[in-house]
PDB file of N, CA and C in Angstrom:
ATOM      1  N   UNK A   1       0.792  -1.200   0.000  1.00  0.00           N
ATOM      2  CA  UNK A   1       0.000   0.000   0.000  1.00  0.00           C
ATOM      3  C   UNK A   1       0.832   1.261   0.000  1.00  0.00           C
ATOM      4  N   UNK A   2       2.163   1.133  -0.024  1.00  0.00           N
ATOM      5  CA  UNK A   2       3.014   2.320  -0.043  1.00  0.00           C
ATOM      6  C   UNK A   2       3.603   2.538  -1.427  1.00  0.00           C
ATOM      7  N   UNK A   3       3.892   3.791  -1.713  1.00  0.00           N
ATOM      8  CA  UNK A   3       4.597   4.146  -2.934  1.00  0.00           C
ATOM      9  C   UNK A   3       6.081   3.937  -2.654  1.00  0.00           C
ATOM     10  N   UNK A   4       6.707   2.998  -3.334  1.00  0.00           N
ATOM     11  CA  UNK A   4       8.098   2.662  -3.040  1.00  0.00           C
ATOM     12  C   UNK A   4       9.085   3.295  -4.013  1.00  0.00           C
ATOM     13  N   UNK A   5       8.642   3.656  -5.216  1.00  0.00           N
ATOM     14  CA  UNK A   5       9.556   4.246  -6.177  1.00  0.00           C
ATOM     15  C   UNK A   5       8.773   4.880  -7.315  1.00  0.00           C
ATOM     16  N   UNK A   6       9.407   5.766  -8.028  1.00  0.00           N
ATOM     17  CA  UNK A   6       8.858   6.370  -9.233  1.00  0.00           C
ATOM     18  C   UNK A   6      10.034   6.873 -10.043  1.00  0.00           C
ATOM     19  N   UNK A   7       9.774   7.167 -11.286  1.00  0.00           N
ATOM     20  CA  UNK A   7      10.791   7.755 -12.146  1.00  0.00           C
ATOM     21  C   UNK A   7      10.170   8.920 -12.883  1.00  0.00           C
ATOM     22  N   UNK A   8      10.780  10.045 -12.776  1.00  0.00           N
ATOM     23  CA  UNK A   8      10.306  11.257 -13.431  1.00  0.00           C
ATOM     24  C   UNK A   8      10.836  11.267 -14.862  1.00  0.00           C
ATOM     25  N   UNK A   9       9.952  11.299 -15.838  1.00  0.00           N
ATOM     26  CA  UNK A   9      10.370  11.319 -17.234  1.00  0.00           C
ATOM     27  C   UNK A   9       9.206  11.017 -18.147  1.00  0.00           C
ATOM     28  N   UNK A  10       9.524  10.855 -19.408  1.00  0.00           N
ATOM     29  CA  UNK A  10       8.494  10.546 -20.402  1.00  0.00           C
ATOM     30  C   UNK A  10       8.005   9.118 -20.196  1.00  0.00           C
ATOM     31  N   UNK A  11       6.831   8.838 -20.699  1.00  0.00           N
ATOM     32  CA  UNK A  11       6.315   7.470 -20.615  1.00  0.00           C
ATOM     33  C   UNK A  11       6.856   6.693 -21.808  1.00  0.00           C
ATOM     34  N   UNK A  12       8.117   6.284 -21.672  1.00  0.00           N
ATOM     35  CA  UNK A  12       8.774   5.545 -22.745  1.00  0.00           C
ATOM     36  C   UNK A  12       9.635   4.437 -22.152  1.00  0.00           C
ATOM     37  N   UNK A  13      10.206   3.621 -23.024  1.00  0.00           N
ATOM     38  CA  UNK A  13      11.003   2.473 -22.586  1.00  0.00           C
ATOM     39  C   UNK A  13      12.241   2.901 -21.805  1.00  0.00           C
ATOM     40  N   UNK A  14      12.843   4.007 -22.178  1.00  0.00           N
ATOM     41  CA  UNK A  14      14.051   4.489 -21.493  1.00  0.00           C
ATOM     42  C   UNK A  14      13.757   4.808 -20.028  1.00  0.00           C
ATOM     43  N   UNK A  15      12.679   5.517 -19.765  1.00  0.00           N
ATOM     44  CA  UNK A  15      12.304   5.865 -18.396  1.00  0.00           C
ATOM     45  C   UNK A  15      11.940   4.618 -17.605  1.00  0.00           C
ATOM     46  N   UNK A  16      11.181   3.709 -18.217  1.00  0.00           N
ATOM     47  CA  UNK A  16      10.801   2.473 -17.545  1.00  0.00           C
ATOM     48  C   UNK A  16      12.028   1.642 -17.194  1.00  0.00           C
ATOM     49  N   UNK A  17      12.995   1.573 -18.091  1.00  0.00           N
ATOM     50  CA  UNK A  17      14.209   0.792 -17.838  1.00  0.00           C
ATOM     51  C   UNK A  17      14.977   1.333 -16.638  1.00  0.00           C
ATOM     52  N   UNK A  18      15.069   2.643 -16.511  1.00  0.00           N
ATOM     53  CA  UNK A  18      15.759   3.257 -15.364  1.00  0.00           C
ATOM     54  C   UNK A  18      15.091   2.823 -14.063  1.00  0.00           C
ATOM     55  N   UNK A  19      13.767   2.869 -14.026  1.00  0.00           N
ATOM     56  CA  UNK A  19      13.056   2.477 -12.820  1.00  0.00           C
ATOM     57  C   UNK A  19      13.186   0.980 -12.546  1.00  0.00           C
ATOM     58  N   UNK A  20      13.061   0.166 -13.568  1.00  0.00           N
ATOM     59  CA  UNK A  20      13.187  -1.285 -13.379  1.00  0.00           C
ATOM     60  C   UNK A  20      14.571  -1.662 -12.853  1.00  0.00           C
ATOM     61  N   UNK A  21      15.601  -0.969 -13.313  1.00  0.00           N
ATOM     62  CA  UNK A  21      16.954  -1.240 -12.817  1.00  0.00           C
ATOM     63  C   UNK A  21      17.054  -0.950 -11.315  1.00  0.00           C
ATOM     64  N   UNK A  22      16.416   0.134 -10.862  1.00  0.00           N
ATOM     65  CA  UNK A  22      16.414   0.446  -9.427  1.00  0.00           C
ATOM     66  C   UNK A  22      15.592  -0.563  -8.630  1.00  0.00           C
ATOM     67  N   UNK A  23      14.483  -1.036  -9.202  1.00  0.00           N
ATOM     68  CA  UNK A  23      13.612  -1.963  -8.488  1.00  0.00           C
ATOM     69  C   UNK A  23      14.220  -3.345  -8.310  1.00  0.00           C
ATOM     70  N   UNK A  24      15.250  -3.669  -9.078  1.00  0.00           N
ATOM     71  CA  UNK A  24      15.925  -4.961  -8.905  1.00  0.00           C
ATOM     72  C   UNK A  24      16.421  -5.127  -7.473  1.00  0.00           C
ATOM     73  N   UNK A  25      16.833  -4.046  -6.839  1.00  0.00           N
ATOM     74  CA  UNK A  25      17.326  -4.096  -5.464  1.00  0.00           C
ATOM     75  C   UNK A  25      16.223  -4.469  -4.468  1.00  0.00           C
ATOM     76  N   UNK A  26      14.966  -4.248  -4.833  1.00  0.00           N
ATOM     77  CA  UNK A  26      13.842  -4.553  -3.946  1.00  0.00           C
ATOM     78  C   UNK A  26      13.307  -5.966  -4.140  1.00  0.00           C
ATOM     79  N   UNK A  27      13.845  -6.690  -5.091  1.00  0.00           N
ATOM     80  CA  UNK A  27      13.446  -8.067  -5.363  1.00  0.00           C
ATOM     81  C   UNK A  27      11.936  -8.186  -5.611  1.00  0.00           C
ATOM     82  N   UNK A  28      11.433  -7.365  -6.517  1.00  0.00           N
ATOM     83  CA  UNK A  28      10.009  -7.361  -6.877  1.00  0.00           C
ATOM     84  C   UNK A  28       9.671  -8.668  -7.585  1.00  0.00           C
ATOM     85  N   UNK A  29       8.571  -9.286  -7.179  1.00  0.00           N
ATOM     86  CA  UNK A  29       8.200 -10.572  -7.776  1.00  0.00           C
ATOM     87  C   UNK A  29       7.073 -10.462  -8.794  1.00  0.00           C
ATOM     88  N   UNK A  30       6.276  -9.394  -8.737  1.00  0.00           N
ATOM     89  CA  UNK A  30       5.173  -9.235  -9.684  1.00  0.00           C
ATOM     90  C   UNK A  30       4.938  -7.742  -9.938  1.00  0.00           C
ATOM     91  N   UNK A  31       4.577  -7.424 -11.173  1.00  0.00           N
ATOM     92  CA  UNK A  31       4.241  -6.060 -11.575  1.00  0.00           C
ATOM     93  C   UNK A  31       2.819  -6.064 -12.097  1.00  0.00           C
ATOM     94  N   UNK A  32       1.954  -5.246 -11.512  1.00  0.00           N
ATOM     95  CA  UNK A  32       0.593  -5.058 -12.010  1.00  0.00           C
ATOM     96  C   UNK A  32       0.591  -3.767 -12.805  1.00  0.00           C
ATOM     97  N   UNK A  33       0.240  -3.854 -14.077  1.00  0.00           N
ATOM     98  CA  UNK A  33       0.295  -2.693 -14.955  1.00  0.00           C
ATOM     99  C   UNK A  33      -0.955  -2.615 -15.819  1.00  0.00           C
ATOM    100  N   UNK A  34      -1.068  -1.477 -16.523  1.00  0.00           N
ATOM    101  CA  UNK A  34      -2.088  -1.388 -17.559  1.00  0.00           C
ATOM    102  C   UNK A  34      -1.530  -2.065 -18.809  1.00  0.00           C
ATOM    103  N   UNK A  35      -2.156  -1.848 -19.932  1.00  0.00           N
ATOM    104  CA  UNK A  35      -1.787  -2.586 -21.147  1.00  0.00           C
ATOM    105  C   UNK A  35      -0.830  -1.824 -22.059  1.00  0.00           C
ATOM    106  N   UNK A  36       0.016  -1.015 -21.494  1.00  0.00           N
ATOM    107  CA  UNK A  36       1.002  -0.292 -22.288  1.00  0.00           C
ATOM    108  C   UNK A  36       2.000  -1.290 -22.864  1.00  0.00           C
ATOM    109  N   UNK A  37       2.246  -1.238 -24.146  1.00  0.00           N
ATOM    110  CA  UNK A  37       3.065  -2.218 -24.864  1.00  0.00           C
ATOM    111  C   UNK A  37       4.482  -2.338 -24.302  1.00  0.00           C
ATOM    112  N   UNK A  38       5.048  -1.257 -23.872  1.00  0.00           N
ATOM    113  CA  UNK A  38       6.432  -1.250 -23.390  1.00  0.00           C
ATOM    114  C   UNK A  38       6.640  -2.174 -22.189  1.00  0.00           C
ATOM    115  N   UNK A  39       5.630  -2.364 -21.373  1.00  0.00           N
ATOM    116  CA  UNK A  39       5.768  -3.250 -20.215  1.00  0.00           C
ATOM    117  C   UNK A  39       6.102  -4.673 -20.651  1.00  0.00           C
ATOM    118  N   UNK A  40       5.434  -5.149 -21.694  1.00  0.00           N
ATOM    119  CA  UNK A  40       5.695  -6.511 -22.182  1.00  0.00           C
ATOM    120  C   UNK A  40       7.093  -6.668 -22.739  1.00  0.00           C
ATOM    121  N   UNK A  41       7.635  -5.587 -23.258  1.00  0.00           N
ATOM    122  CA  UNK A  41       8.985  -5.646 -23.826  1.00  0.00           C
ATOM    123  C   UNK A  41      10.059  -5.727 -22.745  1.00  0.00           C
ATOM    124  N   UNK A  42       9.844  -5.098 -21.592  1.00  0.00           N
ATOM    125  CA  UNK A  42      10.907  -4.972 -20.596  1.00  0.00           C
ATOM    126  C   UNK A  42      10.719  -5.798 -19.322  1.00  0.00           C
ATOM    127  N   UNK A  43       9.500  -6.212 -19.025  1.00  0.00           N
ATOM    128  CA  UNK A  43       9.240  -6.986 -17.807  1.00  0.00           C
ATOM    129  C   UNK A  43       9.058  -8.451 -18.204  1.00  0.00           C
ATOM    130  N   UNK A  44       9.776  -9.363 -17.542  1.00  0.00           N
ATOM    131  CA  UNK A  44       9.634 -10.793 -17.870  1.00  0.00           C
ATOM    132  C   UNK A  44       8.194 -11.266 -17.753  1.00  0.00           C
ATOM    133  N   UNK A  45       7.795 -12.160 -18.644  1.00  0.00           N
ATOM    134  CA  UNK A  45       6.407 -12.612 -18.749  1.00  0.00           C
ATOM    135  C   UNK A  45       5.854 -13.147 -17.428  1.00  0.00           C
ATOM    136  N   UNK A  46       6.617 -13.918 -16.699  1.00  0.00           N
ATOM    137  CA  UNK A  46       6.136 -14.490 -15.448  1.00  0.00           C
ATOM    138  C   UNK A  46       5.947 -13.482 -14.323  1.00  0.00           C
ATOM    139  N   UNK A  47       6.499 -12.276 -14.497  1.00  0.00           N
ATOM    140  CA  UNK A  47       6.396 -11.238 -13.465  1.00  0.00           C
ATOM    141  C   UNK A  47       5.368 -10.162 -13.808  1.00  0.00           C
ATOM    142  N   UNK A  48       4.776 -10.226 -14.978  1.00  0.00           N
ATOM    143  CA  UNK A  48       3.894  -9.171 -15.476  1.00  0.00           C
ATOM    144  C   UNK A  48       2.439  -9.607 -15.489  1.00  0.00           C
ATOM    145  N   UNK A  49       1.589  -8.805 -14.845  1.00  0.00           N
ATOM    146  CA  UNK A  49       0.143  -8.997 -14.899  1.00  0.00           C
ATOM    147  C   UNK A  49      -0.441  -7.686 -15.413  1.00  0.00           C
ATOM    148  N   UNK A  50      -0.985  -7.718 -16.623  1.00  0.00           N
ATOM    149  CA  UNK A  50      -1.554  -6.517 -17.222  1.00  0.00           C
ATOM    150  C   UNK A  50      -3.060  -6.533 -17.050  1.00  0.00           C
ATOM    151  N   UNK A  51      -3.530  -5.724 -16.109  1.00  0.00           N
ATOM    152  CA  UNK A  51      -4.956  -5.645 -15.811  1.00  0.00           C
ATOM    153  C   UNK A  51      -5.270  -4.309 -15.170  1.00  0.00           C
ATOM    154  N   UNK A  52      -6.389  -3.750 -15.512  1.00  0.00           N
ATOM    155  CA  UNK A  52      -6.832  -2.507 -14.878  1.00  0.00           C
ATOM    156  C   UNK A  52      -7.372  -2.771 -13.471  1.00  0.00           C
ATOM    157  N   UNK A  53      -7.749  -4.008 -13.187  1.00  0.00           N
ATOM    158  CA  UNK A  53      -8.343  -4.339 -11.891  1.00  0.00           C
ATOM    159  C   UNK A  53      -7.375  -4.102 -10.738  1.00  0.00           C
ATOM    160  N   UNK A  54      -6.082  -4.230 -10.962  1.00  0.00           N
ATOM    161  CA  UNK A  54      -5.101  -4.080  -9.895  1.00  0.00           C
ATOM    162  C   UNK A  54      -4.370  -2.740  -9.909  1.00  0.00           C
ATOM    163  N   UNK A  55      -4.732  -1.850 -10.826  1.00  0.00           N
ATOM    164  CA  UNK A  55      -4.033  -0.570 -10.905  1.00  0.00           C
ATOM    165  C   UNK A  55      -4.847   0.593 -10.350  1.00  0.00           C
ATOM    166  N   UNK A  56      -5.998   0.322  -9.739  1.00  0.00           N
ATOM    167  CA  UNK A  56      -6.844   1.412  -9.241  1.00  0.00           C
ATOM    168  C   UNK A  56      -6.154   2.227  -8.146  1.00  0.00           C
ATOM    169  N   UNK A  57      -5.328   1.601  -7.327  1.00  0.00           N
ATOM    170  CA  UNK A  57      -4.601   2.332  -6.282  1.00  0.00           C
ATOM    171  C   UNK A  57      -3.609   3.316  -6.873  1.00  0.00           C
ATOM    172  N   UNK A  58      -2.940   2.907  -7.930  1.00  0.00           N
ATOM    173  CA  UNK A  58      -1.989   3.784  -8.604  1.00  0.00           C
ATOM    174  C   UNK A  58      -2.724   4.951  -9.253  1.00  0.00           C
ATOM    175  N   UNK A  59      -3.832   4.664  -9.906  1.00  0.00           N
ATOM    176  CA  UNK A  59      -4.612   5.722 -10.542  1.00  0.00           C
ATOM    177  C   UNK A  59      -5.171   6.699  -9.504  1.00  0.00           C
ATOM    178  N   UNK A  60      -5.580   6.183  -8.347  1.00  0.00           N
ATOM    179  CA  UNK A  60      -6.054   7.052  -7.260  1.00  0.00           C
ATOM    180  C   UNK A  60      -4.931   7.969  -6.793  1.00  0.00           C
ATOM    181  N   UNK A  61      -3.719   7.414  -6.677  1.00  0.00           N
ATOM    182  CA  UNK A  61      -2.571   8.212  -6.285  1.00  0.00           C
ATOM    183  C   UNK A  61      -2.285   9.294  -7.328  1.00  0.00           C
ATOM    184  N   UNK A  62      -2.337   8.951  -8.609  1.00  0.00           N
ATOM    185  CA  UNK A  62      -2.115   9.944  -9.665  1.00  0.00           C
ATOM    186  C   UNK A  62      -3.145  11.062  -9.592  1.00  0.00           C
ATOM    187  N   UNK A  63      -4.393  10.714  -9.318  1.00  0.00           N
ATOM    188  CA  UNK A  63      -5.439  11.722  -9.174  1.00  0.00           C
ATOM    189  C   UNK A  63      -5.126  12.648  -8.004  1.00  0.00           C
ATOM    190  N   UNK A  64      -4.722  12.080  -6.867  1.00  0.00           N
ATOM    191  CA  UNK A  64      -4.391  12.903  -5.701  1.00  0.00           C
ATOM    192  C   UNK A  64      -3.231  13.846  -5.996  1.00  0.00           C
ATOM    193  N   UNK A  65      -2.236  13.373  -6.719  1.00  0.00           N
ATOM    194  CA  UNK A  65      -1.119  14.245  -7.078  1.00  0.00           C
ATOM    195  C   UNK A  65      -1.596  15.426  -7.898  1.00  0.00           C
ATOM    196  N   UNK A  66      -2.445  15.163  -8.892  1.00  0.00           N
ATOM    197  CA  UNK A  66      -2.962  16.260  -9.715  1.00  0.00           C
ATOM    198  C   UNK A  66      -3.807  17.211  -8.882  1.00  0.00           C
ATOM    199  N   UNK A  67      -4.539  16.685  -7.916  1.00  0.00           N
ATOM    200  CA  UNK A  67      -5.394  17.515  -7.076  1.00  0.00           C
ATOM    201  C   UNK A  67      -4.568  18.394  -6.132  1.00  0.00           C
ATOM    202  N   UNK A  68      -3.572  17.829  -5.478  1.00  0.00           N
ATOM    203  CA  UNK A  68      -2.826  18.543  -4.445  1.00  0.00           C
ATOM    204  C   UNK A  68      -1.654  19.357  -4.970  1.00  0.00           C
ATOM    205  N   UNK A  69      -1.082  18.989  -6.086  1.00  0.00           N
ATOM    206  CA  UNK A  69       0.110  19.672  -6.591  1.00  0.00           C
ATOM    207  C   UNK A  69      -0.240  20.485  -7.824  1.00  0.00           C
ATOM    208  N   UNK A  70      -0.261  21.803  -7.677  1.00  0.00           N
ATOM    209  CA  UNK A  70      -0.627  22.687  -8.775  1.00  0.00           C
ATOM    210  C   UNK A  70       0.225  22.501 -10.017  1.00  0.00           C
ATOM    211  N   UNK A  71       1.488  22.130  -9.838  1.00  0.00           N
ATOM    212  CA  UNK A  71       2.381  21.981 -10.987  1.00  0.00           C
ATOM    213  C   UNK A  71       1.920  20.881 -11.937  1.00  0.00           C
ATOM    214  N   UNK A  72       1.072  19.959 -11.485  1.00  0.00           N
ATOM    215  CA  UNK A  72       0.638  18.862 -12.338  1.00  0.00           C
ATOM    216  C   UNK A  72      -0.690  19.132 -13.032  1.00  0.00           C
ATOM    217  N   UNK A  73      -1.326  20.262 -12.739  1.00  0.00           N
ATOM    218  CA  UNK A  73      -2.617  20.507 -13.379  1.00  0.00           C
ATOM    219  C   UNK A  73      -2.724  21.878 -14.045  1.00  0.00           C
ATOM    220  N   UNK A  74      -1.815  22.794 -13.764  1.00  0.00           N
ATOM    221  CA  UNK A  74      -1.911  24.137 -14.326  1.00  0.00           C
ATOM    222  C   UNK A  74      -0.973  24.304 -15.500  1.00  0.00           C
ATOM    223  N   UNK A  75      -1.414  25.017 -16.486  1.00  0.00           N
ATOM    224  CA  UNK A  75      -0.583  25.299 -17.656  1.00  0.00           C
ATOM    225  C   UNK A  75       0.175  26.608 -17.495  1.00  0.00           C
ATOM    226  N   UNK A  76      -0.159  27.384 -16.485  1.00  0.00           N
ATOM    227  CA  UNK A  76       0.512  28.660 -16.279  1.00  0.00           C
ATOM    228  C   UNK A  76       1.852  28.445 -15.593  1.00  0.00           C
ATOM    229  N   UNK A  77       2.592  29.495 -15.455  1.00  0.00           N
ATOM    230  CA  UNK A  77       3.918  29.424 -14.825  1.00  0.00           C
ATOM    231  C   UNK A  77       3.746  29.518 -13.309  1.00  0.00           C
ATOM    232  N   UNK A  78       3.172  28.508 -12.712  1.00  0.00           N
ATOM    233  CA  UNK A  78       2.898  28.514 -11.276  1.00  0.00           C
ATOM    234  C   UNK A  78       4.163  28.278 -10.463  1.00  0.00           C
ATOM    235  N   UNK A  79       5.030  27.381 -10.919  1.00  0.00           N
ATOM    236  CA  UNK A  79       6.257  27.037 -10.222  1.00  0.00           C
ATOM    237  C   UNK A  79       7.286  26.550 -11.224  1.00  0.00           C
ATOM    238  N   UNK A  80       8.479  26.332 -10.740  1.00  0.00           N
ATOM    239  CA  UNK A  80       9.524  25.786 -11.597  1.00  0.00           C
ATOM    240  C   UNK A  80       9.104  24.419 -12.118  1.00  0.00           C
ATOM    241  N   UNK A  81       9.356  24.171 -13.377  1.00  0.00           N
ATOM    242  CA  UNK A  81       9.039  22.877 -13.969  1.00  0.00           C
ATOM    243  C   UNK A  81      10.307  22.055 -14.211  1.00  0.00           C
ATOM    244  N   UNK A  82      11.370  22.402 -13.515  1.00  0.00           N
ATOM    245  CA  UNK A  82      12.598  21.632 -13.688  1.00  0.00           C
ATOM    246  C   UNK A  82      12.380  20.208 -13.182  1.00  0.00           C
ATOM    247  N   UNK A  83      13.122  19.267 -13.738  1.00  0.00           N
ATOM    248  CA  UNK A  83      12.988  17.868 -13.351  1.00  0.00           C
ATOM    249  C   UNK A  83      13.238  17.696 -11.856  1.00  0.00           C
ATOM    250  N   UNK A  84      14.230  18.410 -11.321  1.00  0.00           N
ATOM    251  CA  UNK A  84      14.558  18.294  -9.899  1.00  0.00           C
ATOM    252  C   UNK A  84      13.403  18.755  -9.010  1.00  0.00           C
ATOM    253  N   UNK A  85      12.751  19.847  -9.362  1.00  0.00           N
ATOM    254  CA  UNK A  85      11.644  20.362  -8.545  1.00  0.00           C
ATOM    255  C   UNK A  85      10.420  19.458  -8.644  1.00  0.00           C
ATOM    256  N   UNK A  86      10.152  18.929  -9.820  1.00  0.00           N
ATOM    257  CA  UNK A  86       9.033  17.994  -9.970  1.00  0.00           C
ATOM    258  C   UNK A  86       9.317  16.743  -9.149  1.00  0.00           C
ATOM    259  N   UNK A  87      10.547  16.229  -9.226  1.00  0.00           N
ATOM    260  CA  UNK A  87      10.927  15.040  -8.470  1.00  0.00           C
ATOM    261  C   UNK A  87      10.813  15.287  -6.961  1.00  0.00           C
ATOM    262  N   UNK A  88      11.245  16.444  -6.489  1.00  0.00           N
ATOM    263  CA  UNK A  88      11.116  16.771  -5.061  1.00  0.00           C
ATOM    264  C   UNK A  88       9.650  16.870  -4.639  1.00  0.00           C
ATOM    265  N   UNK A  89       8.807  17.439  -5.500  1.00  0.00           N
ATOM    266  CA  UNK A  89       7.382  17.527  -5.178  1.00  0.00           C
ATOM    267  C   UNK A  89       6.769  16.146  -5.026  1.00  0.00           C
ATOM    268  N   UNK A  90       7.122  15.223  -5.926  1.00  0.00           N
ATOM    269  CA  UNK A  90       6.600  13.860  -5.842  1.00  0.00           C
ATOM    270  C   UNK A  90       7.139  13.171  -4.594  1.00  0.00           C
ATOM    271  N   UNK A  91       8.406  13.407  -4.268  1.00  0.00           N
ATOM    272  CA  UNK A  91       8.993  12.800  -3.069  1.00  0.00           C
ATOM    273  C   UNK A  91       8.257  13.258  -1.813  1.00  0.00           C
ATOM    274  N   UNK A  92       7.973  14.535  -1.704  1.00  0.00           N
ATOM    275  CA  UNK A  92       7.229  15.045  -0.543  1.00  0.00           C
ATOM    276  C   UNK A  92       5.818  14.478  -0.509  1.00  0.00           C
ATOM    277  N   UNK A  93       5.163  14.445  -1.665  1.00  0.00           N
ATOM    278  CA  UNK A  93       3.813  13.891  -1.734  1.00  0.00           C
ATOM    279  C   UNK A  93       3.813  12.433  -1.300  1.00  0.00           C
ATOM    280  N   UNK A  94       4.782  11.646  -1.808  1.00  0.00           N
ATOM    281  CA  UNK A  94       4.861  10.227  -1.468  1.00  0.00           C
ATOM    282  C   UNK A  94       5.112  10.029   0.017  1.00  0.00           C
ATOM    283  N   UNK A  95       6.051  10.767   0.563  1.00  0.00           N
ATOM    284  CA  UNK A  95       6.414  10.579   1.958  1.00  0.00           C
ATOM    285  C   UNK A  95       5.293  10.988   2.911  1.00  0.00           C
ATOM    286  N   UNK A  96       4.680  12.119   2.662  1.00  0.00           N
ATOM    287  CA  UNK A  96       3.743  12.657   3.639  1.00  0.00           C
ATOM    288  C   UNK A  96       2.278  12.381   3.352  1.00  0.00           C
ATOM    289  N   UNK A  97       1.889  12.233   2.103  1.00  0.00           N
ATOM    290  CA  UNK A  97       0.468  12.003   1.819  1.00  0.00           C
ATOM    291  C   UNK A  97       0.186  10.528   1.525  1.00  0.00           C
ATOM    292  N   UNK A  98       0.929   9.945   0.606  1.00  0.00           N
ATOM    293  CA  UNK A  98       0.669   8.562   0.206  1.00  0.00           C
ATOM    294  C   UNK A  98       1.057   7.594   1.311  1.00  0.00           C
ATOM    295  N   UNK A  99       2.244   7.766   1.883  1.00  0.00           N
ATOM    296  CA  UNK A  99       2.753   6.821   2.873  1.00  0.00           C
ATOM    297  C   UNK A  99       2.453   7.237   4.313  1.00  0.00           C
ATOM    298  N   UNK A 100       1.635   8.255   4.491  1.00  0.00           N
ATOM    299  CA  UNK A 100       1.132   8.680   5.809  1.00  0.00           C
ATOM    300  C   UNK A 100       2.238   8.913   6.833  1.00  0.00           C
ATOM    301  N   UNK A 101       3.260   9.668   6.444  1.00  0.00           N
ATOM    302  CA  UNK A 101       4.353   9.953   7.359  1.00  0.00           C
ATOM    303  C   UNK A 101       4.369  11.420   7.805  1.00  0.00           C
ATOM    304  N   UNK A 102       3.293  12.151   7.569  1.00  0.00           N
ATOM    305  CA  UNK A 102       3.258  13.575   7.908  1.00  0.00           C
ATOM    306  C   UNK A 102       3.438  13.807   9.407  1.00  0.00           C
ATOM    307  N   UNK A 103       2.971  12.877  10.241  1.00  0.00           N
ATOM    308  CA  UNK A 103       3.088  13.058  11.685  1.00  0.00           C
ATOM    309  C   UNK A 103       4.547  13.150  12.110  1.00  0.00           C
ATOM    310  N   UNK A 104       5.410  12.325  11.535  1.00  0.00           N
ATOM    311  CA  UNK A 104       6.833  12.366  11.868  1.00  0.00           C
ATOM    312  C   UNK A 104       7.416  13.725  11.516  1.00  0.00           C
ATOM    313  N   UNK A 105       7.029  14.251  10.360  1.00  0.00           N
ATOM    314  CA  UNK A 105       7.544  15.550   9.930  1.00  0.00           C
ATOM    315  C   UNK A 105       7.040  16.651  10.845  1.00  0.00           C
ATOM    316  N   UNK A 106       5.758  16.642  11.145  1.00  0.00           N
ATOM    317  CA  UNK A 106       5.180  17.689  11.981  1.00  0.00           C
ATOM    318  C   UNK A 106       5.749  17.655  13.405  1.00  0.00           C
ATOM    319  N   UNK A 107       5.980  16.499  13.953  1.00  0.00           N
ATOM    320  CA  UNK A 107       6.470  16.427  15.318  1.00  0.00           C
ATOM    321  C   UNK A 107       7.885  16.977  15.433  1.00  0.00           C
ATOM    322  N   UNK A 108       8.679  16.923  14.368  1.00  0.00           N
ATOM    323  CA  UNK A 108      10.030  17.474  14.434  1.00  0.00           C
ATOM    324  C   UNK A 108      10.024  18.976  14.221  1.00  0.00           C
ATOM    325  N   UNK A 109       9.027  19.481  13.513  1.00  0.00           N
ATOM    326  CA  UNK A 109       8.951  20.920  13.260  1.00  0.00           C
ATOM    327  C   UNK A 109       8.395  21.655  14.470  1.00  0.00           C
ATOM    328  N   UNK A 110       7.378  21.115  15.097  1.00  0.00           N
ATOM    329  CA  UNK A 110       6.725  21.805  16.209  1.00  0.00           C
ATOM    330  C   UNK A 110       7.470  21.498  17.466  1.00  0.00           C
TER     331      UNK A 110
END
C-alpha cells in the first residue's frame, strides 16, 4: 500500500528501464500494470500482470497528485518545472500524503 519508487520522465522504454533497474534491489516478484506495450517488452512474462483491476490504487494516487500539486494541473507558470523540482514535489507527496508519514515531519517541526 506504499509508494516505493517512481521515475520522473516521459512514458517511454528508457524511463521504464531506469526504474526497473532500481527496483531490482527490492526483489520485486510481480508487476501489475495497464496494457502499455512497453511493459511486455521490458518486464519478464512471469512477473507481469496486465490488468486494470489491480491498478486502481496507482490511478487514485495519480489523481491525488494532480489535485494537491498545482504543478501537475496548471498550464501557467505557477512554479519551476525543472525535473529536480518535480521530483522533489513527488517525493514530498509520497512521503507525507501517500505513505502517511506527515506526523513524523510535523512532530520534528513543532
